[in-house]
Amino acid sequence: MGDPGDAGFEEEEAFGLDALVWLPGVDYLSGWREAKTAAAELAVALRSAGVDTSGVRARADTGGDGSGVVRLVLPVDTVREIALLARRSTGRLRKAG
């Protein structure tokens, strides 16, 4: 499985402000690990679909309840490319269904 830090997919390791207030007894590390894995899966999927991932940044984080969260920063052109792929996929699924 790929790493979001691979070429064409930048990863921000720093925790956001949400991470500053942690509650005792909440397993934030598991959520963060899950988010890191999900970000890597997304990186592989985007590259496999032919999306240019240069300039894409993903940051693994956690929600207040410890659940994993992936925060993305995407260039406008990349967002449009992903939207086009999604529309094409939806159209194919409707025709097949």
PDB file of N, CA and C in Angstrom:
ATOM      1  N   MET A   1       0.854  -1.168   0.000  1.00  0.00           N
ATOM      2  CA  MET A   1       0.000   0.000   0.000  1.00  0.00           C
ATOM      3  C   MET A   1       0.897   1.227   0.000  1.00  0.00           C
ATOM      4  N   GLY A   2       0.466   2.265  -0.693  1.00  0.00           N
ATOM      5  CA  GLY A   2       1.258   3.478  -0.802  1.00  0.00           C
ATOM      6  C   GLY A   2       1.216   4.313   0.452  1.00  0.00           C
ATOM      7  N   ASP A   3       2.110   5.268   0.485  1.00  0.00           N
ATOM      8  CA  ASP A   3       2.201   6.191   1.612  1.00  0.00           C
ATOM      9  C   ASP A   3       1.816   7.566   1.117  1.00  0.00           C
ATOM     10  N   PRO A   4       0.972   8.294   1.831  1.00  0.00           N
ATOM     11  CA  PRO A   4       0.610   9.613   1.358  1.00  0.00           C
ATOM     12  C   PRO A   4       1.819  10.515   1.177  1.00  0.00           C
ATOM     13  N   GLY A   5       2.942  10.180   1.781  1.00  0.00           N
ATOM     14  CA  GLY A   5       4.147  10.973   1.636  1.00  0.00           C
ATOM     15  C   GLY A   5       4.914  10.678   0.360  1.00  0.00           C
ATOM     16  N   ASP A   6       4.476   9.672  -0.421  1.00  0.00           N
ATOM     17  CA  ASP A   6       5.137   9.349  -1.682  1.00  0.00           C
ATOM     18  C   ASP A   6       5.072  10.543  -2.622  1.00  0.00           C
ATOM     19  N   ALA A   7       5.899  10.499  -3.657  1.00  0.00           N
ATOM     20  CA  ALA A   7       5.919  11.577  -4.642  1.00  0.00           C
ATOM     21  C   ALA A   7       4.513  11.831  -5.164  1.00  0.00           C
ATOM     22  N   GLY A   8       4.135  13.085  -5.246  1.00  0.00           N
ATOM     23  CA  GLY A   8       2.836  13.439  -5.766  1.00  0.00           C
ATOM     24  C   GLY A   8       1.728  13.426  -4.727  1.00  0.00           C
ATOM     25  N   PHE A   9       2.061  13.241  -3.478  1.00  0.00           N
ATOM     26  CA  PHE A   9       1.042  13.257  -2.427  1.00  0.00           C
ATOM     27  C   PHE A   9       1.738  13.673  -1.154  1.00  0.00           C
ATOM     28  N   GLU A  10       1.610  14.931  -0.789  1.00  0.00           N
ATOM     29  CA  GLU A  10       2.284  15.454   0.389  1.00  0.00           C
ATOM     30  C   GLU A  10       1.455  15.170   1.624  1.00  0.00           C
ATOM     31  N   GLU A  11       2.140  14.914   2.718  1.00  0.00           N
ATOM     32  CA  GLU A  11       1.432  14.652   3.970  1.00  0.00           C
ATOM     33  C   GLU A  11       1.869  15.658   5.012  1.00  0.00           C
ATOM     34  N   GLU A  12       0.891  16.193   5.726  1.00  0.00           N
ATOM     35  CA  GLU A  12       1.198  17.084   6.836  1.00  0.00           C
ATOM     36  C   GLU A  12       1.099  16.271   8.114  1.00  0.00           C
ATOM     37  N   GLU A  13       2.179  16.162   8.855  1.00  0.00           N
ATOM     38  CA  GLU A  13       2.199  15.371  10.085  1.00  0.00           C
ATOM     39  C   GLU A  13       1.708  16.133  11.299  1.00  0.00           C
ATOM     40  N   ALA A  14       1.728  17.443  11.247  1.00  0.00           N
ATOM     41  CA  ALA A  14       1.383  18.233  12.425  1.00  0.00           C
ATOM     42  C   ALA A  14      -0.078  18.038  12.811  1.00  0.00           C
ATOM     43  N   PHE A  15      -0.335  17.983  14.091  1.00  0.00           N
ATOM     44  CA  PHE A  15      -1.707  17.898  14.571  1.00  0.00           C
ATOM     45  C   PHE A  15      -2.345  19.270  14.490  1.00  0.00           C
ATOM     46  N   GLY A  16      -3.642  19.288  14.236  1.00  0.00           N
ATOM     47  CA  GLY A  16      -4.374  20.538  14.170  1.00  0.00           C
ATOM     48  C   GLY A  16      -4.783  20.997  15.550  1.00  0.00           C
ATOM     49  N   LEU A  17      -5.489  22.094  15.593  1.00  0.00           N
ATOM     50  CA  LEU A  17      -5.956  22.634  16.865  1.00  0.00           C
ATOM     51  C   LEU A  17      -6.902  21.683  17.569  1.00  0.00           C
ATOM     52  N   ASP A  18      -7.619  20.849  16.799  1.00  0.00           N
ATOM     53  CA  ASP A  18      -8.541  19.885  17.409  1.00  0.00           C
ATOM     54  C   ASP A  18      -7.810  18.941  18.351  1.00  0.00           C
ATOM     55  N   ALA A  19      -6.537  18.694  18.084  1.00  0.00           N
ATOM     56  CA  ALA A  19      -5.771  17.727  18.862  1.00  0.00           C
ATOM     57  C   ALA A  19      -5.295  18.317  20.194  1.00  0.00           C
ATOM     58  N   LEU A  20      -5.488  19.600  20.408  1.00  0.00           N
ATOM     59  CA  LEU A  20      -4.980  20.220  21.622  1.00  0.00           C
ATOM     60  C   LEU A  20      -5.822  19.902  22.852  1.00  0.00           C
ATOM     61  N   VAL A  21      -7.083  19.556  22.656  1.00  0.00           N
ATOM     62  CA  VAL A  21      -7.957  19.259  23.780  1.00  0.00           C
ATOM     63  C   VAL A  21      -8.344  17.784  23.688  1.00  0.00           C
ATOM     64  N   TRP A  22      -7.612  16.964  24.403  1.00  0.00           N
ATOM     65  CA  TRP A  22      -7.885  15.531  24.407  1.00  0.00           C
ATOM     66  C   TRP A  22      -8.526  15.141  25.731  1.00  0.00           C
ATOM     67  N   LEU A  23      -9.450  14.218  25.634  1.00  0.00           N
ATOM     68  CA  LEU A  23     -10.137  13.739  26.829  1.00  0.00           C
ATOM     69  C   LEU A  23      -9.454  12.488  27.357  1.00  0.00           C
ATOM     70  N   PRO A  24      -9.323  12.368  28.670  1.00  0.00           N
ATOM     71  CA  PRO A  24      -8.733  11.161  29.235  1.00  0.00           C
ATOM     72  C   PRO A  24      -9.564   9.936  28.873  1.00  0.00           C
ATOM     73  N   GLY A  25      -8.887   8.841  28.578  1.00  0.00           N
ATOM     74  CA  GLY A  25      -9.560   7.581  28.294  1.00  0.00           C
ATOM     75  C   GLY A  25      -9.995   7.392  26.853  1.00  0.00           C
ATOM     76  N   VAL A  26      -9.838   8.408  26.004  1.00  0.00           N
ATOM     77  CA  VAL A  26     -10.213   8.274  24.594  1.00  0.00           C
ATOM     78  C   VAL A  26      -8.978   7.841  23.819  1.00  0.00           C
ATOM     79  N   ASP A  27      -9.131   6.792  22.995  1.00  0.00           N
ATOM     80  CA  ASP A  27      -8.011   6.247  22.220  1.00  0.00           C
ATOM     81  C   ASP A  27      -7.853   7.035  20.914  1.00  0.00           C
ATOM     82  N   TYR A  28      -7.152   8.142  20.981  1.00  0.00           N
ATOM     83  CA  TYR A  28      -6.942   8.978  19.805  1.00  0.00           C
ATOM     84  C   TYR A  28      -5.927   8.368  18.847  1.00  0.00           C
ATOM     85  N   LEU A  29      -4.977   7.618  19.370  1.00  0.00           N
ATOM     86  CA  LEU A  29      -3.924   7.058  18.531  1.00  0.00           C
ATOM     87  C   LEU A  29      -4.483   6.075  17.513  1.00  0.00           C
ATOM     88  N   SER A  30      -5.424   5.241  17.901  1.00  0.00           N
ATOM     89  CA  SER A  30      -6.022   4.286  16.962  1.00  0.00           C
ATOM     90  C   SER A  30      -6.748   5.011  15.830  1.00  0.00           C
ATOM     91  N   GLY A  31      -7.487   6.047  16.175  1.00  0.00           N
ATOM     92  CA  GLY A  31      -8.177   6.837  15.157  1.00  0.00           C
ATOM     93  C   GLY A  31      -7.204   7.498  14.206  1.00  0.00           C
ATOM     94  N   TRP A  32      -6.108   8.027  14.750  1.00  0.00           N
ATOM     95  CA  TRP A  32      -5.095   8.670  13.918  1.00  0.00           C
ATOM     96  C   TRP A  32      -4.457   7.655  12.971  1.00  0.00           C
ATOM     97  N   ARG A  33      -4.147   6.468  13.502  1.00  0.00           N
ATOM     98  CA  ARG A  33      -3.553   5.417  12.645  1.00  0.00           C
ATOM     99  C   ARG A  33      -4.517   5.030  11.527  1.00  0.00           C
ATOM    100  N   GLU A  34      -5.784   4.897  11.860  1.00  0.00           N
ATOM    101  CA  GLU A  34      -6.779   4.547  10.845  1.00  0.00           C
ATOM    102  C   GLU A  34      -6.864   5.643   9.777  1.00  0.00           C
ATOM    103  N   ALA A  35      -6.814   6.900  10.200  1.00  0.00           N
ATOM    104  CA  ALA A  35      -6.848   8.018   9.255  1.00  0.00           C
ATOM    105  C   ALA A  35      -5.606   8.016   8.370  1.00  0.00           C
ATOM    106  N   LYS A  36      -4.460   7.696   8.930  1.00  0.00           N
ATOM    107  CA  LYS A  36      -3.217   7.640   8.153  1.00  0.00           C
ATOM    108  C   LYS A  36      -3.308   6.552   7.084  1.00  0.00           C
ATOM    109  N   THR A  37      -3.859   5.401   7.451  1.00  0.00           N
ATOM    110  CA  THR A  37      -4.041   4.311   6.500  1.00  0.00           C
ATOM    111  C   THR A  37      -5.040   4.698   5.409  1.00  0.00           C
ATOM    112  N   ALA A  38      -6.127   5.341   5.805  1.00  0.00           N
ATOM    113  CA  ALA A  38      -7.132   5.775   4.830  1.00  0.00           C
ATOM    114  C   ALA A  38      -6.548   6.792   3.852  1.00  0.00           C
ATOM    115  N   ALA A  39      -5.713   7.698   4.348  1.00  0.00           N
ATOM    116  CA  ALA A  39      -5.069   8.692   3.475  1.00  0.00           C
ATOM    117  C   ALA A  39      -4.167   7.995   2.466  1.00  0.00           C
ATOM    118  N   ALA A  40      -3.461   6.970   2.900  1.00  0.00           N
ATOM    119  CA  ALA A  40      -2.597   6.209   1.993  1.00  0.00           C
ATOM    120  C   ALA A  40      -3.439   5.497   0.937  1.00  0.00           C
ATOM    121  N   GLU A  41      -4.569   4.922   1.346  1.00  0.00           N
ATOM    122  CA  GLU A  41      -5.465   4.251   0.403  1.00  0.00           C
ATOM    123  C   GLU A  41      -5.997   5.234  -0.637  1.00  0.00           C
ATOM    124  N   LEU A  42      -6.344   6.433  -0.189  1.00  0.00           N
ATOM    125  CA  LEU A  42      -6.825   7.455  -1.107  1.00  0.00           C
ATOM    126  C   LEU A  42      -5.740   7.843  -2.102  1.00  0.00           C
ATOM    127  N   ALA A  43      -4.513   7.990  -1.622  1.00  0.00           N
ATOM    128  CA  ALA A  43      -3.402   8.350  -2.505  1.00  0.00           C
ATOM    129  C   ALA A  43      -3.230   7.315  -3.605  1.00  0.00           C
ATOM    130  N   VAL A  44      -3.272   6.045  -3.238  1.00  0.00           N
ATOM    131  CA  VAL A  44      -3.124   4.966  -4.216  1.00  0.00           C
ATOM    132  C   VAL A  44      -4.282   4.997  -5.211  1.00  0.00           C
ATOM    133  N   ALA A  45      -5.502   5.166  -4.720  1.00  0.00           N
ATOM    134  CA  ALA A  45      -6.684   5.177  -5.585  1.00  0.00           C
ATOM    135  C   ALA A  45      -6.636   6.339  -6.577  1.00  0.00           C
ATOM    136  N   LEU A  46      -6.268   7.518  -6.098  1.00  0.00           N
ATOM    137  CA  LEU A  46      -6.196   8.678  -6.991  1.00  0.00           C
ATOM    138  C   LEU A  46      -5.144   8.477  -8.069  1.00  0.00           C
ATOM    139  N   ARG A  47      -3.968   7.989  -7.662  1.00  0.00           N
ATOM    140  CA  ARG A  47      -2.916   7.754  -8.656  1.00  0.00           C
ATOM    141  C   ARG A  47      -3.328   6.671  -9.643  1.00  0.00           C
ATOM    142  N   SER A  48      -3.990   5.627  -9.156  1.00  0.00           N
ATOM    143  CA  SER A  48      -4.454   4.541 -10.030  1.00  0.00           C
ATOM    144  C   SER A  48      -5.481   5.036 -11.045  1.00  0.00           C
ATOM    145  N   ALA A  49      -6.255   6.033 -10.657  1.00  0.00           N
ATOM    146  CA  ALA A  49      -7.259   6.613 -11.553  1.00  0.00           C
ATOM    147  C   ALA A  49      -6.645   7.639 -12.504  1.00  0.00           C
ATOM    148  N   GLY A  50      -5.344   7.882 -12.362  1.00  0.00           N
ATOM    149  CA  GLY A  50      -4.665   8.813 -13.252  1.00  0.00           C
ATOM    150  C   GLY A  50      -4.725  10.258 -12.813  1.00  0.00           C
ATOM    151  N   VAL A  51      -5.125  10.503 -11.587  1.00  0.00           N
ATOM    152  CA  VAL A  51      -5.214  11.878 -11.072  1.00  0.00           C
ATOM    153  C   VAL A  51      -3.823  12.360 -10.685  1.00  0.00           C
ATOM    154  N   ASP A  52      -3.496  13.564 -11.124  1.00  0.00           N
ATOM    155  CA  ASP A  52      -2.226  14.186 -10.742  1.00  0.00           C
ATOM    156  C   ASP A  52      -2.343  14.615  -9.281  1.00  0.00           C
ATOM    157  N   THR A  53      -1.562  13.981  -8.415  1.00  0.00           N
ATOM    158  CA  THR A  53      -1.664  14.256  -6.988  1.00  0.00           C
ATOM    159  C   THR A  53      -0.603  15.237  -6.489  1.00  0.00           C
ATOM    160  N   SER A  54       0.121  15.864  -7.414  1.00  0.00           N
ATOM    161  CA  SER A  54       1.079  16.865  -6.949  1.00  0.00           C
ATOM    162  C   SER A  54       0.294  18.036  -6.368  1.00  0.00           C
ATOM    163  N   GLY A  55       0.695  18.488  -5.234  1.00  0.00           N
ATOM    164  CA  GLY A  55      -0.002  19.578  -4.564  1.00  0.00           C
ATOM    165  C   GLY A  55      -1.124  19.125  -3.646  1.00  0.00           C
ATOM    166  N   VAL A  56      -1.438  17.830  -3.656  1.00  0.00           N
ATOM    167  CA  VAL A  56      -2.459  17.298  -2.758  1.00  0.00           C
ATOM    168  C   VAL A  56      -1.809  17.068  -1.401  1.00  0.00           C
ATOM    169  N   ARG A  57      -2.444  17.565  -0.353  1.00  0.00           N
ATOM    170  CA  ARG A  57      -1.924  17.346   0.996  1.00  0.00           C
ATOM    171  C   ARG A  57      -2.989  16.666   1.831  1.00  0.00           C
ATOM    172  N   ALA A  58      -2.569  15.667   2.577  1.00  0.00           N
ATOM    173  CA  ALA A  58      -3.481  14.956   3.468  1.00  0.00           C
ATOM    174  C   ALA A  58      -2.874  14.950   4.858  1.00  0.00           C
ATOM    175  N   ARG A  59      -3.735  15.170   5.851  1.00  0.00           N
ATOM    176  CA  ARG A  59      -3.260  15.145   7.226  1.00  0.00           C
ATOM    177  C   ARG A  59      -4.158  14.223   8.031  1.00  0.00           C
ATOM    178  N   ALA A  60      -3.542  13.204   8.602  1.00  0.00           N
ATOM    179  CA  ALA A  60      -4.279  12.312   9.496  1.00  0.00           C
ATOM    180  C   ALA A  60      -4.532  13.060  10.797  1.00  0.00           C
ATOM    181  N   ASP A  61      -5.746  12.929  11.305  1.00  0.00           N
ATOM    182  CA  ASP A  61      -6.139  13.635  12.516  1.00  0.00           C
ATOM    183  C   ASP A  61      -7.205  12.800  13.207  1.00  0.00           C
ATOM    184  N   THR A  62      -7.713  13.282  14.312  1.00  0.00           N
ATOM    185  CA  THR A  62      -8.805  12.608  15.004  1.00  0.00           C
ATOM    186  C   THR A  62      -9.885  13.606  15.362  1.00  0.00           C
ATOM    187  N   GLY A  63     -11.098  13.099  15.473  1.00  0.00           N
ATOM    188  CA  GLY A  63     -12.197  13.906  15.961  1.00  0.00           C
ATOM    189  C   GLY A  63     -12.182  13.894  17.481  1.00  0.00           C
ATOM    190  N   GLY A  64     -13.030  14.666  18.076  1.00  0.00           N
ATOM    191  CA  GLY A  64     -13.103  14.750  19.530  1.00  0.00           C
ATOM    192  C   GLY A  64     -13.420  13.430  20.206  1.00  0.00           C
ATOM    193  N   ASP A  65     -14.070  12.521  19.469  1.00  0.00           N
ATOM    194  CA  ASP A  65     -14.423  11.218  20.034  1.00  0.00           C
ATOM    195  C   ASP A  65     -13.358  10.152  19.771  1.00  0.00           C
ATOM    196  N   GLY A  66     -12.243  10.559  19.131  1.00  0.00           N
ATOM    197  CA  GLY A  66     -11.166   9.620  18.848  1.00  0.00           C
ATOM    198  C   GLY A  66     -11.264   8.972  17.488  1.00  0.00           C
ATOM    199  N   SER A  67     -12.327   9.241  16.745  1.00  0.00           N
ATOM    200  CA  SER A  67     -12.455   8.652  15.412  1.00  0.00           C
ATOM    201  C   SER A  67     -11.465   9.310  14.458  1.00  0.00           C
ATOM    202  N   GLY A  68     -11.018   8.533  13.484  1.00  0.00           N
ATOM    203  CA  GLY A  68     -10.066   9.046  12.510  1.00  0.00           C
ATOM    204  C   GLY A  68     -10.695  10.048  11.567  1.00  0.00           C
ATOM    205  N   VAL A  69      -9.910  11.051  11.199  1.00  0.00           N
ATOM    206  CA  VAL A  69     -10.323  12.089  10.261  1.00  0.00           C
ATOM    207  C   VAL A  69      -9.154  12.358   9.335  1.00  0.00           C
ATOM    208  N   VAL A  70      -9.426  12.485   8.034  1.00  0.00           N
ATOM    209  CA  VAL A  70      -8.393  12.871   7.076  1.00  0.00           C
ATOM    210  C   VAL A  70      -8.764  14.248   6.551  1.00  0.00           C
ATOM    211  N   ARG A  71      -7.862  15.179   6.729  1.00  0.00           N
ATOM    212  CA  ARG A  71      -8.082  16.539   6.241  1.00  0.00           C
ATOM    213  C   ARG A  71      -7.284  16.700   4.957  1.00  0.00           C
ATOM    214  N   LEU A  72      -7.983  17.127   3.895  1.00  0.00           N
ATOM    215  CA  LEU A  72      -7.365  17.251   2.571  1.00  0.00           C
ATOM    216  C   LEU A  72      -7.282  18.697   2.137  1.00  0.00           C
ATOM    217  N   VAL A  73      -6.202  19.013   1.444  1.00  0.00           N
ATOM    218  CA  VAL A  73      -6.067  20.283   0.743  1.00  0.00           C
ATOM    219  C   VAL A  73      -5.770  19.897  -0.700  1.00  0.00           C
ATOM    220  N   LEU A  74      -6.665  20.319  -1.604  1.00  0.00           N
ATOM    221  CA  LEU A  74      -6.570  19.928  -3.003  1.00  0.00           C
ATOM    222  C   LEU A  74      -6.523  21.158  -3.900  1.00  0.00           C
ATOM    223  N   PRO A  75      -5.629  21.163  -4.891  1.00  0.00           N
ATOM    224  CA  PRO A  75      -5.672  22.241  -5.875  1.00  0.00           C
ATOM    225  C   PRO A  75      -6.992  22.197  -6.643  1.00  0.00           C
ATOM    226  N   VAL A  76      -7.471  23.336  -7.093  1.00  0.00           N
ATOM    227  CA  VAL A  76      -8.752  23.430  -7.796  1.00  0.00           C
ATOM    228  C   VAL A  76      -8.783  22.488  -8.998  1.00  0.00           C
ATOM    229  N   ASP A  77      -7.727  22.429  -9.780  1.00  0.00           N
ATOM    230  CA  ASP A  77      -7.707  21.551 -10.955  1.00  0.00           C
ATOM    231  C   ASP A  77      -7.874  20.084 -10.559  1.00  0.00           C
ATOM    232  N   THR A  78      -7.282  19.697  -9.440  1.00  0.00           N
ATOM    233  CA  THR A  78      -7.414  18.319  -8.963  1.00  0.00           C
ATOM    234  C   THR A  78      -8.847  18.036  -8.537  1.00  0.00           C
ATOM    235  N   VAL A  79      -9.479  18.976  -7.865  1.00  0.00           N
ATOM    236  CA  VAL A  79     -10.878  18.806  -7.457  1.00  0.00           C
ATOM    237  C   VAL A  79     -11.753  18.624  -8.689  1.00  0.00           C
ATOM    238  N   ARG A  80     -11.531  19.434  -9.705  1.00  0.00           N
ATOM    239  CA  ARG A  80     -12.330  19.317 -10.934  1.00  0.00           C
ATOM    240  C   ARG A  80     -12.100  17.971 -11.611  1.00  0.00           C
ATOM    241  N   GLU A  81     -10.858  17.494 -11.604  1.00  0.00           N
ATOM    242  CA  GLU A  81     -10.543  16.203 -12.200  1.00  0.00           C
ATOM    243  C   GLU A  81     -11.252  15.062 -11.445  1.00  0.00           C
ATOM    244  N   ILE A  82     -11.241  15.120 -10.123  1.00  0.00           N
ATOM    245  CA  ILE A  82     -11.922  14.101  -9.310  1.00  0.00           C
ATOM    246  C   ILE A  82     -13.433  14.179  -9.529  1.00  0.00           C
ATOM    247  N   ALA A  83     -13.980  15.385  -9.612  1.00  0.00           N
ATOM    248  CA  ALA A  83     -15.420  15.550  -9.859  1.00  0.00           C
ATOM    249  C   ALA A  83     -15.802  14.956 -11.215  1.00  0.00           C
ATOM    250  N   LEU A  84     -14.981  15.165 -12.223  1.00  0.00           N
ATOM    251  CA  LEU A  84     -15.246  14.605 -13.549  1.00  0.00           C
ATOM    252  C   LEU A  84     -15.226  13.081 -13.498  1.00  0.00           C
ATOM    253  N   LEU A  85     -14.245  12.512 -12.815  1.00  0.00           N
ATOM    254  CA  LEU A  85     -14.178  11.055 -12.674  1.00  0.00           C
ATOM    255  C   LEU A  85     -15.413  10.517 -11.954  1.00  0.00           C
ATOM    256  N   ALA A  86     -15.848  11.212 -10.919  1.00  0.00           N
ATOM    257  CA  ALA A  86     -17.026  10.774 -10.172  1.00  0.00           C
ATOM    258  C   ALA A  86     -18.279  10.829 -11.045  1.00  0.00           C
ATOM    259  N   ARG A  87     -18.424  11.900 -11.822  1.00  0.00           N
ATOM    260  CA  ARG A  87     -19.590  12.008 -12.711  1.00  0.00           C
ATOM    261  C   ARG A  87     -19.585  10.902 -13.756  1.00  0.00           C
ATOM    262  N   ARG A  88     -18.415  10.612 -14.326  1.00  0.00           N
ATOM    263  CA  ARG A  88     -18.318   9.546 -15.323  1.00  0.00           C
ATOM    264  C   ARG A  88     -18.662   8.190 -14.703  1.00  0.00           C
ATOM    265  N   SER A  89     -18.168   7.936 -13.498  1.00  0.00           N
ATOM    266  CA  SER A  89     -18.436   6.678 -12.823  1.00  0.00           C
ATOM    267  C   SER A  89     -19.920   6.533 -12.520  1.00  0.00           C
ATOM    268  N   THR A  90     -20.541   7.615 -12.081  1.00  0.00           N
ATOM    269  CA  THR A  90     -21.967   7.599 -11.775  1.00  0.00           C
ATOM    270  C   THR A  90     -22.770   7.304 -13.038  1.00  0.00           C
ATOM    271  N   GLY A  91     -22.395   7.912 -14.136  1.00  0.00           N
ATOM    272  CA  GLY A  91     -23.085   7.687 -15.410  1.00  0.00           C
ATOM    273  C   GLY A  91     -22.981   6.230 -15.849  1.00  0.00           C
ATOM    274  N   ARG A  92     -21.809   5.637 -15.693  1.00  0.00           N
ATOM    275  CA  ARG A  92     -21.618   4.227 -16.071  1.00  0.00           C
ATOM    276  C   ARG A  92     -22.452   3.313 -15.171  1.00  0.00           C
ATOM    277  N   LEU A  93     -22.502   3.634 -13.881  1.00  0.00           N
ATOM    278  CA  LEU A  93     -23.273   2.803 -12.960  1.00  0.00           C
ATOM    279  C   LEU A  93     -24.774   2.877 -13.268  1.00  0.00           C
ATOM    280  N   ARG A  94     -25.250   4.057 -13.654  1.00  0.00           N
ATOM    281  CA  ARG A  94     -26.667   4.198 -13.989  1.00  0.00           C
ATOM    282  C   ARG A  94     -27.014   3.393 -15.227  1.00  0.00           C
ATOM    283  N   LYS A  95     -26.123   3.410 -16.238  1.00  0.00           N
ATOM    284  CA  LYS A  95     -26.360   2.658 -17.463  1.00  0.00           C
ATOM    285  C   LYS A  95     -26.343   1.157 -17.194  1.00  0.00           C
ATOM    286  N   ALA A  96     -25.459   0.718 -16.286  1.00  0.00           N
ATOM    287  CA  ALA A  96     -25.349  -0.704 -15.981  1.00  0.00           C
ATOM    288  C   ALA A  96     -26.503  -1.192 -15.109  1.00  0.00           C
ATOM    289  N   GLY A  97     -27.091  -0.291 -14.304  1.00  0.00           N
ATOM    290  CA  GLY A  97     -28.119  -0.659 -13.333  1.00  0.00           C
ATOM    291  C   GLY A  97     -29.449  -0.751 -13.955  1.00  0.00           C
TER     292      GLY A  97
END
